[in-house]
């Protein structure tokens, strides 16, 4: 069985969305989080969806799930104010008793709505083959490492540099154990790839489309709107973005 765990716990402070969390900003009357969920709901290999949401917005999310007929949603749970890693752990805890140890879970940002069917399929295939999968995109600009101040300590080889994106996918028992260890050790992590790196887990990768952006700042929202409309126009003229 294959499940998605969608994290939608952020409040949008960097995006300055004062009235609502960023995942509930709308495009053509539909919230960003629903665009994201629809990719998983419509995928034939996904058996269920779990969502971690800002607690005060859970009822609103359930309303949108019903309004837009998003199938396969099995649970919506409250996130943590302590950070994304704590919220993801809460989501994984909600999946216990439902997920078997070898079931696959695709952890995905609720504000990353421009994935496609191929990304999801590739993640599932790679986990079956290798045990995990981190979606990555090649760096298109030079990456520098600073010495702690304003001085460049190193310019890293661009050909070896990639951005870790999402989904980040695992066997359920493996990723649950890692988040349990991090919680017990009081280790804060940026994402699941960072968590695996801390505990020495070898990671495997799958290629991400360049447009698989995360909506974090105000410009990201406008980029999402432009990309979405471009993709829709391509479909009108019979061109697939898969």
Protein backbone atom coordinates (compact mmCIF):
# COMPACT_ATOMS: atom_id res chain seq x y z
CA UNK A 1 0.00 0.00 0.00
CA UNK A 2 1.14 3.53 -0.77
CA UNK A 3 0.19 6.60 1.24
CA UNK A 4 0.92 10.31 1.11
CA UNK A 5 1.57 12.42 4.18
CA UNK A 6 1.01 16.06 3.28
CA UNK A 7 2.39 18.68 5.61
CA UNK A 8 0.31 21.86 5.70
CA UNK A 9 1.24 23.21 9.11
CA UNK A 10 2.91 26.51 8.19
CA UNK A 11 1.38 29.89 8.93
CA UNK A 12 2.85 31.85 6.02
CA UNK A 13 4.86 34.44 7.95
CA UNK A 14 7.50 34.75 5.20
CA UNK A 15 4.73 35.20 2.64
CA UNK A 16 3.05 37.88 4.80
CA UNK A 17 -0.37 36.28 4.32
CA UNK A 18 -1.92 37.88 7.37
CA UNK A 19 -5.48 36.69 6.88
CA UNK A 20 -4.79 33.00 6.27
CA UNK A 21 -2.00 30.42 6.16
CA UNK A 22 -0.17 30.27 2.83
CA UNK A 23 -1.56 26.83 1.96
CA UNK A 24 -5.06 28.33 1.94
CA UNK A 25 -4.28 31.14 -0.49
CA UNK A 26 -6.43 30.62 -3.56
CA UNK A 27 -5.93 30.48 -7.31
CA UNK A 28 -9.12 30.50 -9.39
CA UNK A 29 -11.11 30.00 -6.19
CA UNK A 30 -9.24 26.87 -5.09
CA UNK A 31 -6.71 26.76 -2.19
CA UNK A 32 -3.11 25.77 -2.90
CA UNK A 33 -3.39 22.79 -0.54
CA UNK A 34 -6.25 21.35 -2.63
CA UNK A 35 -4.20 21.61 -5.84
CA UNK A 36 -1.49 19.63 -4.04
CA UNK A 37 -3.84 17.00 -2.64
CA UNK A 38 -5.52 16.42 -6.00
CA UNK A 39 -2.29 15.06 -7.48
CA UNK A 40 -2.22 12.31 -4.87
CA UNK A 41 -5.96 11.73 -4.84
CA UNK A 42 -5.99 11.21 -8.59
CA UNK A 43 -2.96 8.94 -8.71
CA UNK A 44 -3.88 5.27 -9.23
CA UNK A 45 -1.08 3.98 -6.99
CA UNK A 46 -1.93 6.12 -3.95
CA UNK A 47 -4.22 4.30 -1.51
CA UNK A 48 -4.69 6.97 1.14
CA UNK A 49 -3.87 10.55 2.14
CA UNK A 50 -3.03 11.90 5.59
CA UNK A 51 -2.75 15.65 6.19
CA UNK A 52 -1.12 17.60 9.00
CA UNK A 53 -2.80 20.99 9.26
CA UNK A 54 -2.76 24.14 11.37
CA UNK A 55 -5.19 23.16 14.14
CA UNK A 56 -7.42 26.23 13.82
CA UNK A 57 -7.86 25.55 10.09
CA UNK A 58 -8.75 21.86 10.20
CA UNK A 59 -12.49 22.43 9.82
CA UNK A 60 -11.85 24.79 6.91
CA UNK A 61 -9.67 22.19 5.21
CA UNK A 62 -12.32 19.52 5.68
CA UNK A 63 -14.82 21.89 4.09
CA UNK A 64 -12.58 22.32 1.04
CA UNK A 65 -11.92 18.57 0.82
CA UNK A 66 -15.67 17.99 0.60
CA UNK A 67 -16.31 20.94 -1.72
CA UNK A 68 -13.70 19.86 -4.26
CA UNK A 69 -14.40 16.11 -3.85
CA UNK A 70 -10.85 15.16 -2.88
CA UNK A 71 -10.89 11.39 -2.47
CA UNK A 72 -8.70 9.05 -0.40
CA UNK A 73 -8.30 11.39 2.61
CA UNK A 74 -8.08 9.14 5.65
CA UNK A 75 -7.25 11.63 8.41
CA UNK A 76 -6.50 15.30 9.05
CA UNK A 77 -4.50 15.88 12.22
CA UNK A 78 -3.31 18.97 14.05
CA UNK A 79 0.29 20.06 13.55
CA UNK A 80 2.75 21.28 16.14
CA UNK A 81 3.83 24.84 16.86
CA UNK A 82 7.35 23.51 17.50
CA UNK A 83 8.24 23.03 13.85
CA UNK A 84 7.72 20.99 10.70
CA UNK A 85 9.64 17.97 12.01
CA UNK A 86 7.36 17.70 15.05
CA UNK A 87 4.29 18.02 12.85
CA UNK A 88 5.46 15.33 10.46
CA UNK A 89 6.06 13.04 13.43
CA UNK A 90 2.48 13.68 14.58
CA UNK A 91 1.30 12.71 11.11
CA UNK A 92 3.33 9.51 11.17
CA UNK A 93 1.93 8.68 14.60
CA UNK A 94 -1.58 9.03 13.16
CA UNK A 95 -0.64 6.51 10.47
CA UNK A 96 0.36 3.83 12.98
CA UNK A 97 -2.09 0.96 13.09
CA UNK A 98 -3.04 1.66 9.47
CA UNK A 99 0.30 1.43 7.67
CA UNK A 100 2.18 -1.87 7.57
CA UNK A 101 5.96 -1.68 8.08
CA UNK A 102 6.71 -2.06 4.36
CA UNK A 103 4.00 0.32 3.17
CA UNK A 104 5.36 3.34 1.32
CA UNK A 105 4.76 6.88 2.57
CA UNK A 106 5.42 9.92 0.38
CA UNK A 107 6.02 13.00 2.55
CA UNK A 108 5.12 16.15 0.67
CA UNK A 109 4.76 19.89 1.28
CA UNK A 110 1.21 21.16 1.09
CA UNK A 111 2.55 24.28 -0.64
CA UNK A 112 4.30 22.36 -3.41
CA UNK A 113 1.34 22.04 -5.83
CA UNK A 114 3.07 21.60 -9.21
CA UNK A 115 4.16 17.97 -9.02
CA UNK A 116 2.83 15.51 -11.55
CA UNK A 117 1.92 11.85 -11.87
CA UNK A 118 5.40 10.87 -13.02
CA UNK A 119 7.04 12.33 -9.90
CA UNK A 120 4.76 10.27 -7.66
CA UNK A 121 5.21 7.10 -9.73
CA UNK A 122 9.00 7.49 -9.81
CA UNK A 123 9.13 7.90 -6.04
CA UNK A 124 7.10 4.74 -5.47
CA UNK A 125 9.21 2.76 -7.92
CA UNK A 126 12.49 3.93 -6.39
CA UNK A 127 11.37 3.08 -2.82
CA UNK A 128 10.44 -0.41 -3.99
CA UNK A 129 13.87 -0.79 -5.57
CA UNK A 130 16.11 0.99 -3.06
CA UNK A 131 14.18 1.58 0.19
CA UNK A 132 13.84 5.36 -0.05
CA UNK A 133 13.69 8.22 -2.53
CA UNK A 134 14.46 11.94 -2.32
CA UNK A 135 13.17 14.07 -5.19
CA UNK A 136 15.99 16.36 -6.36
CA UNK A 137 16.56 19.07 -8.94
CA UNK A 138 19.97 20.08 -10.32
CA UNK A 139 21.40 23.39 -9.12
CA UNK A 140 21.37 25.93 -11.94
CA UNK A 141 23.60 28.49 -10.22
CA UNK A 142 26.86 28.26 -8.30
CA UNK A 143 26.55 27.21 -4.66
CA UNK A 144 28.99 28.79 -2.21
CA UNK A 145 29.82 27.88 1.38
CA UNK A 146 30.53 30.77 3.74
CA UNK A 147 33.00 30.70 6.60
CA UNK A 148 30.43 31.93 9.12
CA UNK A 149 30.65 35.56 8.06
CA UNK A 150 30.58 37.26 4.69
CA UNK A 151 33.61 35.50 3.25
CA UNK A 152 33.30 32.62 0.81
CA UNK A 153 35.05 29.52 2.14
CA UNK A 154 34.37 27.32 -0.86
CA UNK A 155 32.64 27.32 -4.25
CA UNK A 156 31.07 23.90 -4.62
CA UNK A 157 31.10 22.03 -7.94
CA UNK A 158 27.80 22.94 -9.58
CA UNK A 159 27.56 19.60 -11.39
CA UNK A 160 27.46 17.81 -8.03
CA UNK A 161 24.92 20.14 -6.41
CA UNK A 162 21.19 19.41 -6.29
CA UNK A 163 18.23 20.87 -4.43
CA UNK A 164 16.29 18.44 -2.24
CA UNK A 165 12.61 18.85 -3.00
CA UNK A 166 9.55 16.68 -2.38
CA UNK A 167 8.08 14.12 -2.25
CA UNK A 168 10.57 12.44 0.06
CA UNK A 169 9.52 8.82 0.27
CA UNK A 170 10.23 5.86 2.54
CA UNK A 171 9.10 2.54 3.93
CA UNK A 172 6.79 3.47 6.79
CA UNK A 173 8.69 1.63 9.54
CA UNK A 174 12.01 3.16 8.50
CA UNK A 175 10.91 6.78 8.54
CA UNK A 176 8.78 6.34 11.67
CA UNK A 177 11.78 4.95 13.53
CA UNK A 178 13.98 7.86 12.45
CA UNK A 179 11.49 10.51 13.53
CA UNK A 180 11.02 8.65 16.82
CA UNK A 181 14.79 8.72 17.39
CA UNK A 182 14.99 12.42 16.54
CA UNK A 183 12.13 13.16 18.94
CA UNK A 184 13.81 11.19 21.75
CA UNK A 185 17.18 12.83 21.03
CA UNK A 186 15.60 16.32 20.77
CA UNK A 187 17.18 16.74 17.33
CA UNK A 188 15.65 19.40 15.11
CA UNK A 189 15.70 18.72 11.36
CA UNK A 190 14.94 20.70 8.23
CA UNK A 191 13.28 17.86 6.34
CA UNK A 192 13.33 14.07 6.03
CA UNK A 193 16.47 14.11 3.88
CA UNK A 194 18.27 16.09 6.60
CA UNK A 195 17.01 13.61 9.19
CA UNK A 196 18.39 10.67 7.24
CA UNK A 197 21.73 12.40 6.81
CA UNK A 198 22.01 12.98 10.56
CA UNK A 199 21.54 9.27 11.27
CA UNK A 200 23.72 8.05 8.42
CA UNK A 201 21.03 6.62 6.15
CA UNK A 202 22.06 6.19 2.52
CA UNK A 203 19.67 8.09 0.29
CA UNK A 204 18.57 7.48 -3.28
CA UNK A 205 17.13 10.06 -5.65
CA UNK A 206 14.62 10.73 -8.39
CA UNK A 207 14.61 13.71 -10.75
CA UNK A 208 12.23 16.57 -10.07
CA UNK A 209 10.72 18.88 -12.68
CA UNK A 210 12.22 22.37 -12.39
CA UNK A 211 8.76 23.84 -11.84
CA UNK A 212 8.21 21.75 -8.67
CA UNK A 213 8.45 24.90 -6.54
CA UNK A 214 7.58 25.43 -2.89
CA UNK A 215 5.44 28.48 -2.20
CA UNK A 216 7.21 30.20 0.68
CA UNK A 217 7.38 33.90 -0.24
CA UNK A 218 5.08 36.30 -2.08
CA UNK A 219 7.03 36.04 -5.38
CA UNK A 220 6.65 32.23 -5.19
CA UNK A 221 2.87 32.62 -5.32
CA UNK A 222 3.04 34.72 -8.48
CA UNK A 223 5.48 32.25 -10.06
CA UNK A 224 3.07 29.43 -9.19
CA UNK A 225 0.18 31.31 -10.81
CA UNK A 226 2.17 31.92 -14.00
CA UNK A 227 3.45 28.33 -14.18
CA UNK A 228 0.02 26.85 -13.50
CA UNK A 229 -1.60 28.90 -16.23
CA UNK A 230 1.20 28.03 -18.67
CA UNK A 231 0.75 24.33 -17.94
CA UNK A 232 -3.01 24.62 -18.38
CA UNK A 233 -2.53 26.38 -21.72
CA UNK A 234 -0.19 23.61 -22.88
CA UNK A 235 -2.87 21.05 -22.06
CA UNK A 236 -5.43 23.03 -24.03
CA UNK A 237 -3.21 22.75 -27.09
CA UNK A 238 -2.62 19.04 -26.52
CA UNK A 239 0.84 19.23 -24.94
CA UNK A 240 1.42 17.26 -21.74
CA UNK A 241 3.74 18.50 -18.97
CA UNK A 242 4.28 14.97 -17.67
